[in-house]
Amino acid sequence: QVQLVESGGGLVQPGGSLRLSCAASDSSFGTQNMYWYRQAPAQQREWIETTTPTGAFTNYADSVKGRYTVSRDNAKNVAYLQMSSLKSEETAVYCCGQKTIWGQGTQVTVSS
């Protein structure tokens, strides 16, 4: 089964931008919807977006709409989550997933 690995997290100031990557282990990645979620400490997991296999359609949570953009490069088995105008309350572990498979996540900390 496919494995997913996120990267690109780090420390960013409020209002800043960050791009996360989700790398898949095989080409089945390009045949499935993919998702991004985030989970902050002591909070429930929050859905961020769902993207169709070709990337033609993406549905975003209202909380990130207009600030986050997802793209996919299925030839490279990778997806990107571009985040801008970040807020401190968006500090969380960000995970990508397909079906029931999830990566370990990458930590994003928004702080001055």
PDB file of N, CA and C in Angstrom:
ATOM      1  N   GLN A   1       0.841  -1.173   0.000  1.00  0.00           N
ATOM      2  CA  GLN A   1       0.000   0.000   0.000  1.00  0.00           C
ATOM      3  C   GLN A   1       0.891   1.243   0.000  1.00  0.00           C
ATOM      4  N   VAL A   2       0.322   2.329  -0.490  1.00  0.00           N
ATOM      5  CA  VAL A   2       1.102   3.563  -0.599  1.00  0.00           C
ATOM      6  C   VAL A   2       1.496   4.059   0.776  1.00  0.00           C
ATOM      7  N   GLN A   3       2.655   4.686   0.840  1.00  0.00           N
ATOM      8  CA  GLN A   3       3.094   5.376   2.044  1.00  0.00           C
ATOM      9  C   GLN A   3       3.214   6.858   1.729  1.00  0.00           C
ATOM     10  N   LEU A   4       2.888   7.675   2.708  1.00  0.00           N
ATOM     11  CA  LEU A   4       2.891   9.114   2.530  1.00  0.00           C
ATOM     12  C   LEU A   4       3.823   9.759   3.548  1.00  0.00           C
ATOM     13  N   VAL A   5       4.602  10.713   3.080  1.00  0.00           N
ATOM     14  CA  VAL A   5       5.544  11.403   3.960  1.00  0.00           C
ATOM     15  C   VAL A   5       5.402  12.898   3.752  1.00  0.00           C
ATOM     16  N   GLU A   6       5.094  13.589   4.827  1.00  0.00           N
ATOM     17  CA  GLU A   6       4.965  15.044   4.768  1.00  0.00           C
ATOM     18  C   GLU A   6       6.287  15.705   5.127  1.00  0.00           C
ATOM     19  N   SER A   7       6.493  16.879   4.594  1.00  0.00           N
ATOM     20  CA  SER A   7       7.674  17.665   4.932  1.00  0.00           C
ATOM     21  C   SER A   7       7.374  19.137   4.695  1.00  0.00           C
ATOM     22  N   GLY A   8       8.294  19.970   5.159  1.00  0.00           N
ATOM     23  CA  GLY A   8       8.158  21.398   4.910  1.00  0.00           C
ATOM     24  C   GLY A   8       7.676  22.217   6.088  1.00  0.00           C
ATOM     25  N   GLY A   9       7.335  21.546   7.173  1.00  0.00           N
ATOM     26  CA  GLY A   9       6.883  22.288   8.337  1.00  0.00           C
ATOM     27  C   GLY A   9       8.016  23.065   8.983  1.00  0.00           C
ATOM     28  N   GLY A  10       7.649  23.897   9.931  1.00  0.00           N
ATOM     29  CA  GLY A  10       8.650  24.689  10.627  1.00  0.00           C
ATOM     30  C   GLY A  10       8.013  25.835  11.370  1.00  0.00           C
ATOM     31  N   LEU A  11       8.854  26.764  11.757  1.00  0.00           N
ATOM     32  CA  LEU A  11       8.412  27.946  12.485  1.00  0.00           C
ATOM     33  C   LEU A  11       8.235  29.106  11.512  1.00  0.00           C
ATOM     34  N   VAL A  12       7.092  29.757  11.604  1.00  0.00           N
ATOM     35  CA  VAL A  12       6.808  30.891  10.731  1.00  0.00           C
ATOM     36  C   VAL A  12       6.099  31.948  11.552  1.00  0.00           C
ATOM     37  N   GLN A  13       6.330  33.193  11.223  1.00  0.00           N
ATOM     38  CA  GLN A  13       5.682  34.280  11.949  1.00  0.00           C
ATOM     39  C   GLN A  13       4.240  34.441  11.500  1.00  0.00           C
ATOM     40  N   PRO A  14       3.404  34.975  12.356  1.00  0.00           N
ATOM     41  CA  PRO A  14       2.032  35.266  11.934  1.00  0.00           C
ATOM     42  C   PRO A  14       2.023  36.146  10.695  1.00  0.00           C
ATOM     43  N   GLY A  15       1.165  35.791   9.767  1.00  0.00           N
ATOM     44  CA  GLY A  15       1.116  36.491   8.494  1.00  0.00           C
ATOM     45  C   GLY A  15       2.031  35.916   7.438  1.00  0.00           C
ATOM     46  N   GLY A  16       2.874  34.993   7.845  1.00  0.00           N
ATOM     47  CA  GLY A  16       3.830  34.416   6.919  1.00  0.00           C
ATOM     48  C   GLY A  16       3.252  33.286   6.086  1.00  0.00           C
ATOM     49  N   SER A  17       4.135  32.710   5.280  1.00  0.00           N
ATOM     50  CA  SER A  17       3.733  31.643   4.360  1.00  0.00           C
ATOM     51  C   SER A  17       4.632  30.434   4.538  1.00  0.00           C
ATOM     52  N   LEU A  18       4.084  29.299   4.138  1.00  0.00           N
ATOM     53  CA  LEU A  18       4.826  28.047   4.221  1.00  0.00           C
ATOM     54  C   LEU A  18       4.255  27.098   3.187  1.00  0.00           C
ATOM     55  N   ARG A  19       5.113  26.260   2.629  1.00  0.00           N
ATOM     56  CA  ARG A  19       4.644  25.250   1.698  1.00  0.00           C
ATOM     57  C   ARG A  19       5.002  23.873   2.224  1.00  0.00           C
ATOM     58  N   LEU A  20       3.987  23.057   2.357  1.00  0.00           N
ATOM     59  CA  LEU A  20       4.166  21.683   2.791  1.00  0.00           C
ATOM     60  C   LEU A  20       4.140  20.757   1.583  1.00  0.00           C
ATOM     61  N   SER A  21       4.838  19.645   1.723  1.00  0.00           N
ATOM     62  CA  SER A  21       4.844  18.627   0.673  1.00  0.00           C
ATOM     63  C   SER A  21       4.327  17.309   1.232  1.00  0.00           C
ATOM     64  N   CYS A  22       3.723  16.552   0.350  1.00  0.00           N
ATOM     65  CA  CYS A  22       3.257  15.199   0.674  1.00  0.00           C
ATOM     66  C   CYS A  22       3.769  14.291  -0.426  1.00  0.00           C
ATOM     67  N   ALA A  23       4.740  13.459  -0.104  1.00  0.00           N
ATOM     68  CA  ALA A  23       5.347  12.574  -1.084  1.00  0.00           C
ATOM     69  C   ALA A  23       4.820  11.161  -0.904  1.00  0.00           C
ATOM     70  N   ALA A  24       4.410  10.559  -2.010  1.00  0.00           N
ATOM     71  CA  ALA A  24       3.872   9.205  -1.977  1.00  0.00           C
ATOM     72  C   ALA A  24       4.899   8.214  -2.493  1.00  0.00           C
ATOM     73  N   SER A  25       4.746   6.964  -2.054  1.00  0.00           N
ATOM     74  CA  SER A  25       5.748   5.946  -2.385  1.00  0.00           C
ATOM     75  C   SER A  25       5.530   5.309  -3.740  1.00  0.00           C
ATOM     76  N   ASP A  26       4.328   5.448  -4.313  1.00  0.00           N
ATOM     77  CA  ASP A  26       4.112   4.842  -5.625  1.00  0.00           C
ATOM     78  C   ASP A  26       3.033   5.577  -6.403  1.00  0.00           C
ATOM     79  N   SER A  27       2.871   5.166  -7.626  1.00  0.00           N
ATOM     80  CA  SER A  27       2.015   5.895  -8.563  1.00  0.00           C
ATOM     81  C   SER A  27       0.524   5.722  -8.322  1.00  0.00           C
ATOM     82  N   SER A  28       0.175   4.844  -7.402  1.00  0.00           N
ATOM     83  CA  SER A  28      -1.254   4.762  -7.070  1.00  0.00           C
ATOM     84  C   SER A  28      -1.739   6.081  -6.492  1.00  0.00           C
ATOM     85  N   PHE A  29      -0.801   6.896  -6.054  1.00  0.00           N
ATOM     86  CA  PHE A  29      -1.125   8.220  -5.512  1.00  0.00           C
ATOM     87  C   PHE A  29      -2.007   9.014  -6.471  1.00  0.00           C
ATOM     88  N   GLY A  30      -1.714   8.902  -7.758  1.00  0.00           N
ATOM     89  CA  GLY A  30      -2.420   9.690  -8.751  1.00  0.00           C
ATOM     90  C   GLY A  30      -3.806   9.188  -9.103  1.00  0.00           C
ATOM     91  N   THR A  31      -4.240   8.113  -8.480  1.00  0.00           N
ATOM     92  CA  THR A  31      -5.548   7.544  -8.791  1.00  0.00           C
ATOM     93  C   THR A  31      -6.584   7.800  -7.701  1.00  0.00           C
ATOM     94  N   GLN A  32      -6.159   8.449  -6.629  1.00  0.00           N
ATOM     95  CA  GLN A  32      -7.040   8.621  -5.471  1.00  0.00           C
ATOM     96  C   GLN A  32      -7.179  10.087  -5.072  1.00  0.00           C
ATOM     97  N   ASN A  33      -8.337  10.392  -4.485  1.00  0.00           N
ATOM     98  CA  ASN A  33      -8.444  11.684  -3.797  1.00  0.00           C
ATOM     99  C   ASN A  33      -7.362  11.760  -2.741  1.00  0.00           C
ATOM    100  N   MET A  34      -6.992  12.971  -2.407  1.00  0.00           N
ATOM    101  CA  MET A  34      -6.102  13.139  -1.275  1.00  0.00           C
ATOM    102  C   MET A  34      -6.642  14.238  -0.357  1.00  0.00           C
ATOM    103  N   TYR A  35      -6.197  14.189   0.883  1.00  0.00           N
ATOM    104  CA  TYR A  35      -6.718  15.073   1.909  1.00  0.00           C
ATOM    105  C   TYR A  35      -5.560  15.661   2.707  1.00  0.00           C
ATOM    106  N   TRP A  36      -5.830  16.826   3.253  1.00  0.00           N
ATOM    107  CA  TRP A  36      -4.967  17.391   4.277  1.00  0.00           C
ATOM    108  C   TRP A  36      -5.827  17.629   5.523  1.00  0.00           C
ATOM    109  N   TYR A  37      -5.255  17.266   6.644  1.00  0.00           N
ATOM    110  CA  TYR A  37      -5.860  17.531   7.937  1.00  0.00           C
ATOM    111  C   TYR A  37      -4.802  18.204   8.806  1.00  0.00           C
ATOM    112  N   ARG A  38      -5.257  18.767   9.902  1.00  0.00           N
ATOM    113  CA  ARG A  38      -4.324  19.259  10.902  1.00  0.00           C
ATOM    114  C   ARG A  38      -4.881  18.957  12.286  1.00  0.00           C
ATOM    115  N   GLN A  39      -3.979  18.814  13.213  1.00  0.00           N
ATOM    116  CA  GLN A  39      -4.396  18.561  14.590  1.00  0.00           C
ATOM    117  C   GLN A  39      -3.526  19.353  15.529  1.00  0.00           C
ATOM    118  N   ALA A  40      -4.166  20.222  16.288  1.00  0.00           N
ATOM    119  CA  ALA A  40      -3.481  21.010  17.292  1.00  0.00           C
ATOM    120  C   ALA A  40      -3.527  20.264  18.621  1.00  0.00           C
ATOM    121  N   PRO A  41      -2.619  20.572  19.513  1.00  0.00           N
ATOM    122  CA  PRO A  41      -2.600  19.886  20.809  1.00  0.00           C
ATOM    123  C   PRO A  41      -3.941  19.998  21.532  1.00  0.00           C
ATOM    124  N   ALA A  42      -4.399  18.879  22.046  1.00  0.00           N
ATOM    125  CA  ALA A  42      -5.633  18.804  22.829  1.00  0.00           C
ATOM    126  C   ALA A  42      -6.865  19.204  22.027  1.00  0.00           C
ATOM    127  N   GLN A  43      -6.768  19.167  20.699  1.00  0.00           N
ATOM    128  CA  GLN A  43      -7.929  19.492  19.873  1.00  0.00           C
ATOM    129  C   GLN A  43      -8.219  18.360  18.904  1.00  0.00           C
ATOM    130  N   GLN A  44      -9.433  18.372  18.392  1.00  0.00           N
ATOM    131  CA  GLN A  44      -9.804  17.357  17.412  1.00  0.00           C
ATOM    132  C   GLN A  44      -9.127  17.632  16.075  1.00  0.00           C
ATOM    133  N   ARG A  45      -8.969  16.573  15.320  1.00  0.00           N
ATOM    134  CA  ARG A  45      -8.417  16.724  13.984  1.00  0.00           C
ATOM    135  C   ARG A  45      -9.349  17.575  13.136  1.00  0.00           C
ATOM    136  N   GLU A  46      -8.783  18.471  12.371  1.00  0.00           N
ATOM    137  CA  GLU A  46      -9.560  19.392  11.548  1.00  0.00           C
ATOM    138  C   GLU A  46      -9.269  19.141  10.077  1.00  0.00           C
ATOM    139  N   TRP A  47     -10.293  18.886   9.311  1.00  0.00           N
ATOM    140  CA  TRP A  47     -10.149  18.711   7.873  1.00  0.00           C
ATOM    141  C   TRP A  47      -9.821  20.049   7.232  1.00  0.00           C
ATOM    142  N   ILE A  48      -8.879  20.029   6.279  1.00  0.00           N
ATOM    143  CA  ILE A  48      -8.483  21.245   5.583  1.00  0.00           C
ATOM    144  C   ILE A  48      -8.973  21.253   4.138  1.00  0.00           C
ATOM    145  N   GLU A  49      -8.728  20.146   3.431  1.00  0.00           N
ATOM    146  CA  GLU A  49      -9.093  20.135   2.027  1.00  0.00           C
ATOM    147  C   GLU A  49      -9.153  18.707   1.497  1.00  0.00           C
ATOM    148  N   THR A  50      -9.863  18.576   0.367  1.00  0.00           N
ATOM    149  CA  THR A  50      -9.910  17.339  -0.410  1.00  0.00           C
ATOM    150  C   THR A  50      -9.662  17.687  -1.861  1.00  0.00           C
ATOM    151  N   THR A  51      -8.777  16.942  -2.498  1.00  0.00           N
ATOM    152  CA  THR A  51      -8.437  17.170  -3.907  1.00  0.00           C
ATOM    153  C   THR A  51      -8.687  15.909  -4.700  1.00  0.00           C
ATOM    154  N   THR A  52      -9.294  16.054  -5.867  1.00  0.00           N
ATOM    155  CA  THR A  52      -9.558  14.901  -6.725  1.00  0.00           C
ATOM    156  C   THR A  52      -8.260  14.371  -7.335  1.00  0.00           C
ATOM    157  N   PRO A  53      -8.283  13.171  -7.908  1.00  0.00           N
ATOM    158  CA  PRO A  53      -7.039  12.561  -8.401  1.00  0.00           C
ATOM    159  C   PRO A  53      -6.233  13.427  -9.371  1.00  0.00           C
ATOM    160  N   THR A  54      -6.901  14.109 -10.277  1.00  0.00           N
ATOM    161  CA  THR A  54      -6.146  14.930 -11.229  1.00  0.00           C
ATOM    162  C   THR A  54      -5.820  16.310 -10.680  1.00  0.00           C
ATOM    163  N   GLY A  55      -6.403  16.636  -9.541  1.00  0.00           N
ATOM    164  CA  GLY A  55      -6.216  17.974  -9.003  1.00  0.00           C
ATOM    165  C   GLY A  55      -7.132  19.009  -9.614  1.00  0.00           C
ATOM    166  N   ALA A  56      -8.067  18.549 -10.444  1.00  0.00           N
ATOM    167  CA  ALA A  56      -8.942  19.499 -11.130  1.00  0.00           C
ATOM    168  C   ALA A  56      -9.919  20.166 -10.170  1.00  0.00           C
ATOM    169  N   PHE A  57     -10.271  19.465  -9.117  1.00  0.00           N
ATOM    170  CA  PHE A  57     -11.242  20.006  -8.168  1.00  0.00           C
ATOM    171  C   PHE A  57     -10.706  19.864  -6.755  1.00  0.00           C
ATOM    172  N   THR A  58     -10.849  20.923  -5.995  1.00  0.00           N
ATOM    173  CA  THR A  58     -10.428  20.929  -4.600  1.00  0.00           C
ATOM    174  C   THR A  58     -11.506  21.609  -3.774  1.00  0.00           C
ATOM    175  N   ASN A  59     -11.794  21.018  -2.643  1.00  0.00           N
ATOM    176  CA  ASN A  59     -12.742  21.598  -1.711  1.00  0.00           C
ATOM    177  C   ASN A  59     -11.982  21.978  -0.439  1.00  0.00           C
ATOM    178  N   TYR A  60     -12.121  23.224  -0.020  1.00  0.00           N
ATOM    179  CA  TYR A  60     -11.394  23.728   1.138  1.00  0.00           C
ATOM    180  C   TYR A  60     -12.325  24.007   2.302  1.00  0.00           C
ATOM    181  N   ALA A  61     -11.810  23.845   3.489  1.00  0.00           N
ATOM    182  CA  ALA A  61     -12.541  24.288   4.674  1.00  0.00           C
ATOM    183  C   ALA A  61     -12.669  25.811   4.633  1.00  0.00           C
ATOM    184  N   ASP A  62     -13.763  26.311   5.153  1.00  0.00           N
ATOM    185  CA  ASP A  62     -13.974  27.757   5.146  1.00  0.00           C
ATOM    186  C   ASP A  62     -12.851  28.514   5.863  1.00  0.00           C
ATOM    187  N   SER A  63     -12.295  27.880   6.862  1.00  0.00           N
ATOM    188  CA  SER A  63     -11.267  28.550   7.668  1.00  0.00           C
ATOM    189  C   SER A  63      -9.978  28.819   6.899  1.00  0.00           C
ATOM    190  N   VAL A  64      -9.766  28.115   5.784  1.00  0.00           N
ATOM    191  CA  VAL A  64      -8.525  28.290   5.022  1.00  0.00           C
ATOM    192  C   VAL A  64      -8.767  28.789   3.607  1.00  0.00           C
ATOM    193  N   LYS A  65     -10.015  28.868   3.202  1.00  0.00           N
ATOM    194  CA  LYS A  65     -10.338  29.247   1.837  1.00  0.00           C
ATOM    195  C   LYS A  65      -9.769  30.630   1.521  1.00  0.00           C
ATOM    196  N   GLY A  66      -9.114  30.726   0.394  1.00  0.00           N
ATOM    197  CA  GLY A  66      -8.506  31.978  -0.023  1.00  0.00           C
ATOM    198  C   GLY A  66      -7.087  32.172   0.472  1.00  0.00           C
ATOM    199  N   ARG A  67      -6.658  31.344   1.416  1.00  0.00           N
ATOM    200  CA  ARG A  67      -5.302  31.466   1.951  1.00  0.00           C
ATOM    201  C   ARG A  67      -4.458  30.223   1.679  1.00  0.00           C
ATOM    202  N   TYR A  68      -5.094  29.086   1.515  1.00  0.00           N
ATOM    203  CA  TYR A  68      -4.394  27.844   1.245  1.00  0.00           C
ATOM    204  C   TYR A  68      -4.676  27.412  -0.193  1.00  0.00           C
ATOM    205  N   THR A  69      -3.654  26.849  -0.805  1.00  0.00           N
ATOM    206  CA  THR A  69      -3.816  26.312  -2.161  1.00  0.00           C
ATOM    207  C   THR A  69      -3.116  24.967  -2.251  1.00  0.00           C
ATOM    208  N   VAL A  70      -3.824  24.009  -2.792  1.00  0.00           N
ATOM    209  CA  VAL A  70      -3.269  22.672  -2.975  1.00  0.00           C
ATOM    210  C   VAL A  70      -2.948  22.455  -4.453  1.00  0.00           C
ATOM    211  N   SER A  71      -1.861  21.772  -4.698  1.00  0.00           N
ATOM    212  CA  SER A  71      -1.530  21.351  -6.052  1.00  0.00           C
ATOM    213  C   SER A  71      -0.979  19.942  -6.008  1.00  0.00           C
ATOM    214  N   ARG A  72      -1.087  19.260  -7.121  1.00  0.00           N
ATOM    215  CA  ARG A  72      -0.587  17.888  -7.222  1.00  0.00           C
ATOM    216  C   ARG A  72       0.290  17.759  -8.454  1.00  0.00           C
ATOM    217  N   ASP A  73       1.346  16.990  -8.333  1.00  0.00           N
ATOM    218  CA  ASP A  73       2.182  16.604  -9.464  1.00  0.00           C
ATOM    219  C   ASP A  73       2.220  15.087  -9.452  1.00  0.00           C
ATOM    220  N   ASN A  74       1.268  14.483 -10.119  1.00  0.00           N
ATOM    221  CA  ASN A  74       1.158  13.029 -10.075  1.00  0.00           C
ATOM    222  C   ASN A  74       2.319  12.323 -10.770  1.00  0.00           C
ATOM    223  N   ALA A  75       2.971  13.002 -11.689  1.00  0.00           N
ATOM    224  CA  ALA A  75       4.146  12.415 -12.343  1.00  0.00           C
ATOM    225  C   ALA A  75       5.274  12.204 -11.333  1.00  0.00           C
ATOM    226  N   LYS A  76       5.288  13.030 -10.293  1.00  0.00           N
ATOM    227  CA  LYS A  76       6.304  12.926  -9.244  1.00  0.00           C
ATOM    228  C   LYS A  76       5.749  12.328  -7.960  1.00  0.00           C
ATOM    229  N   ASN A  77       4.480  11.977  -7.970  1.00  0.00           N
ATOM    230  CA  ASN A  77       3.827  11.406  -6.772  1.00  0.00           C
ATOM    231  C   ASN A  77       3.956  12.338  -5.573  1.00  0.00           C
ATOM    232  N   VAL A  78       3.639  13.584  -5.793  1.00  0.00           N
ATOM    233  CA  VAL A  78       3.779  14.559  -4.729  1.00  0.00           C
ATOM    234  C   VAL A  78       2.649  15.584  -4.809  1.00  0.00           C
ATOM    235  N   ALA A  79       2.266  16.072  -3.659  1.00  0.00           N
ATOM    236  CA  ALA A  79       1.289  17.154  -3.567  1.00  0.00           C
ATOM    237  C   ALA A  79       1.850  18.232  -2.659  1.00  0.00           C
ATOM    238  N   TYR A  80       1.337  19.433  -2.858  1.00  0.00           N
ATOM    239  CA  TYR A  80       1.822  20.574  -2.090  1.00  0.00           C
ATOM    240  C   TYR A  80       0.637  21.300  -1.460  1.00  0.00           C
ATOM    241  N   LEU A  81       0.887  21.817  -0.282  1.00  0.00           N
ATOM    242  CA  LEU A  81      -0.091  22.665   0.384  1.00  0.00           C
ATOM    243  C   LEU A  81       0.587  24.005   0.640  1.00  0.00           C
ATOM    244  N   GLN A  82       0.201  25.003  -0.134  1.00  0.00           N
ATOM    245  CA  GLN A  82       0.750  26.343   0.025  1.00  0.00           C
ATOM    246  C   GLN A  82      -0.142  27.106   0.984  1.00  0.00           C
ATOM    247  N   MET A  83       0.440  27.597   2.061  1.00  0.00           N
ATOM    248  CA  MET A  83      -0.311  28.282   3.095  1.00  0.00           C
ATOM    249  C   MET A  83       0.197  29.713   3.223  1.00  0.00           C
ATOM    250  N   SER A  84      -0.709  30.650   3.302  1.00  0.00           N
ATOM    251  CA  SER A  84      -0.315  32.047   3.450  1.00  0.00           C
ATOM    252  C   SER A  84      -1.174  32.714   4.515  1.00  0.00           C
ATOM    253  N   SER A  85      -0.749  33.894   4.911  1.00  0.00           N
ATOM    254  CA  SER A  85      -1.451  34.651   5.963  1.00  0.00           C
ATOM    255  C   SER A  85      -1.722  33.785   7.179  1.00  0.00           C
ATOM    256  N   LEU A  86      -0.717  33.071   7.595  1.00  0.00           N
ATOM    257  CA  LEU A  86      -0.879  32.111   8.680  1.00  0.00           C
ATOM    258  C   LEU A  86      -1.154  32.807  10.008  1.00  0.00           C
ATOM    259  N   LYS A  87      -1.931  32.144  10.842  1.00  0.00           N
ATOM    260  CA  LYS A  87      -2.334  32.664  12.140  1.00  0.00           C
ATOM    261  C   LYS A  87      -1.789  31.761  13.236  1.00  0.00           C
ATOM    262  N   SER A  88      -1.621  32.321  14.399  1.00  0.00           N
ATOM    263  CA  SER A  88      -1.042  31.547  15.494  1.00  0.00           C
ATOM    264  C   SER A  88      -1.902  30.334  15.845  1.00  0.00           C
ATOM    265  N   GLU A  89      -3.206  30.475  15.692  1.00  0.00           N
ATOM    266  CA  GLU A  89      -4.088  29.354  16.026  1.00  0.00           C
ATOM    267  C   GLU A  89      -4.015  28.218  15.016  1.00  0.00           C
ATOM    268  N   GLU A  90      -3.244  28.412  13.961  1.00  0.00           N
ATOM    269  CA  GLU A  90      -3.061  27.345  12.983  1.00  0.00           C
ATOM    270  C   GLU A  90      -1.830  26.487  13.285  1.00  0.00           C
ATOM    271  N   THR A  91      -1.237  26.733  14.401  1.00  0.00           N
ATOM    272  CA  THR A  91      -0.163  25.862  14.863  1.00  0.00           C
ATOM    273  C   THR A  91      -0.720  24.464  15.091  1.00  0.00           C
ATOM    274  N   ALA A  92      -0.111  23.488  14.424  1.00  0.00           N
ATOM    275  CA  ALA A  92      -0.641  22.119  14.478  1.00  0.00           C
ATOM    276  C   ALA A  92       0.301  21.189  13.737  1.00  0.00           C
ATOM    277  N   VAL A  93       0.015  19.910  13.858  1.00  0.00           N
ATOM    278  CA  VAL A  93       0.655  18.906  13.004  1.00  0.00           C
ATOM    279  C   VAL A  93      -0.238  18.731  11.779  1.00  0.00           C
ATOM    280  N   TYR A  94       0.364  18.869  10.611  1.00  0.00           N
ATOM    281  CA  TYR A  94      -0.365  18.786   9.355  1.00  0.00           C
ATOM    282  C   TYR A  94      -0.069  17.434   8.701  1.00  0.00           C
ATOM    283  N   CYS A  95      -1.142  16.748   8.313  1.00  0.00           N
ATOM    284  CA  CYS A  95      -1.011  15.408   7.746  1.00  0.00           C
ATOM    285  C   CYS A  95      -1.728  15.334   6.406  1.00  0.00           C
ATOM    286  N   CYS A  96      -1.165  14.550   5.493  1.00  0.00           N
ATOM    287  CA  CYS A  96      -1.858  14.246   4.246  1.00  0.00           C
ATOM    288  C   CYS A  96      -2.327  12.805   4.297  1.00  0.00           C
ATOM    289  N   GLY A  97      -3.331  12.499   3.513  1.00  0.00           N
ATOM    290  CA  GLY A  97      -3.873  11.156   3.540  1.00  0.00           C
ATOM    291  C   GLY A  97      -4.573  10.790   2.256  1.00  0.00           C
ATOM    292  N   GLN A  98      -4.702   9.484   2.055  1.00  0.00           N
ATOM    293  CA  GLN A  98      -5.503   8.917   0.993  1.00  0.00           C
ATOM    294  C   GLN A  98      -6.207   7.694   1.571  1.00  0.00           C
ATOM    295  N   LYS A  99      -7.508   7.611   1.285  1.00  0.00           N
ATOM    296  CA  LYS A  99      -8.315   6.540   1.874  1.00  0.00           C
ATOM    297  C   LYS A  99      -8.070   6.514   3.387  1.00  0.00           C
ATOM    298  N   THR A 100      -7.566   5.418   3.893  1.00  0.00           N
ATOM    299  CA  THR A 100      -7.322   5.308   5.334  1.00  0.00           C
ATOM    300  C   THR A 100      -5.841   5.388   5.667  1.00  0.00           C
ATOM    301  N   ILE A 101      -5.029   5.810   4.706  1.00  0.00           N
ATOM    302  CA  ILE A 101      -3.579   5.870   4.906  1.00  0.00           C
ATOM    303  C   ILE A 101      -3.170   7.306   5.187  1.00  0.00           C
ATOM    304  N   TRP A 102      -2.363   7.484   6.215  1.00  0.00           N
ATOM    305  CA  TRP A 102      -1.931   8.809   6.627  1.00  0.00           C
ATOM    306  C   TRP A 102      -0.434   8.827   6.854  1.00  0.00           C
ATOM    307  N   GLY A 103       0.142   9.987   6.611  1.00  0.00           N
ATOM    308  CA  GLY A 103       1.536  10.156   6.948  1.00  0.00           C
ATOM    309  C   GLY A 103       1.690  10.488   8.424  1.00  0.00           C
ATOM    310  N   GLN A 104       2.931  10.655   8.832  1.00  0.00           N
ATOM    311  CA  GLN A 104       3.223  10.973  10.229  1.00  0.00           C
ATOM    312  C   GLN A 104       2.960  12.431  10.551  1.00  0.00           C
ATOM    313  N   GLY A 105       2.941  13.246   9.543  1.00  0.00           N
ATOM    314  CA  GLY A 105       2.661  14.656   9.752  1.00  0.00           C
ATOM    315  C   GLY A 105       3.922  15.490   9.860  1.00  0.00           C
ATOM    316  N   THR A 106       3.736  16.781   9.686  1.00  0.00           N
ATOM    317  CA  THR A 106       4.821  17.737   9.833  1.00  0.00           C
ATOM    318  C   THR A 106       4.322  18.896  10.704  1.00  0.00           C
ATOM    319  N   GLN A 107       5.158  19.308  11.630  1.00  0.00           N
ATOM    320  CA  GLN A 107       4.760  20.329  12.593  1.00  0.00           C
ATOM    321  C   GLN A 107       4.869  21.713  11.981  1.00  0.00           C
ATOM    322  N   VAL A 108       3.808  22.476  12.110  1.00  0.00           N
ATOM    323  CA  VAL A 108       3.807  23.885  11.716  1.00  0.00           C
ATOM    324  C   VAL A 108       3.559  24.712  12.974  1.00  0.00           C
ATOM    325  N   THR A 109       4.464  25.610  13.246  1.00  0.00           N
ATOM    326  CA  THR A 109       4.324  26.490  14.401  1.00  0.00           C
ATOM    327  C   THR A 109       4.289  27.934  13.914  1.00  0.00           C
ATOM    328  N   VAL A 110       3.203  28.616  14.236  1.00  0.00           N
ATOM    329  CA  VAL A 110       3.040  30.013  13.841  1.00  0.00           C
ATOM    330  C   VAL A 110       3.184  30.867  15.096  1.00  0.00           C
ATOM    331  N   SER A 111       4.288  31.551  15.157  1.00  0.00           N
ATOM    332  CA  SER A 111       4.586  32.311  16.371  1.00  0.00           C
ATOM    333  C   SER A 111       5.596  33.400  16.077  1.00  0.00           C
ATOM    334  N   SER A 112       5.488  34.482  16.807  1.00  0.00           N
ATOM    335  CA  SER A 112       6.469  35.559  16.677  1.00  0.00           C
ATOM    336  C   SER A 112       7.601  35.373  17.687  1.00  0.00           C
TER     337      SER A 112
END
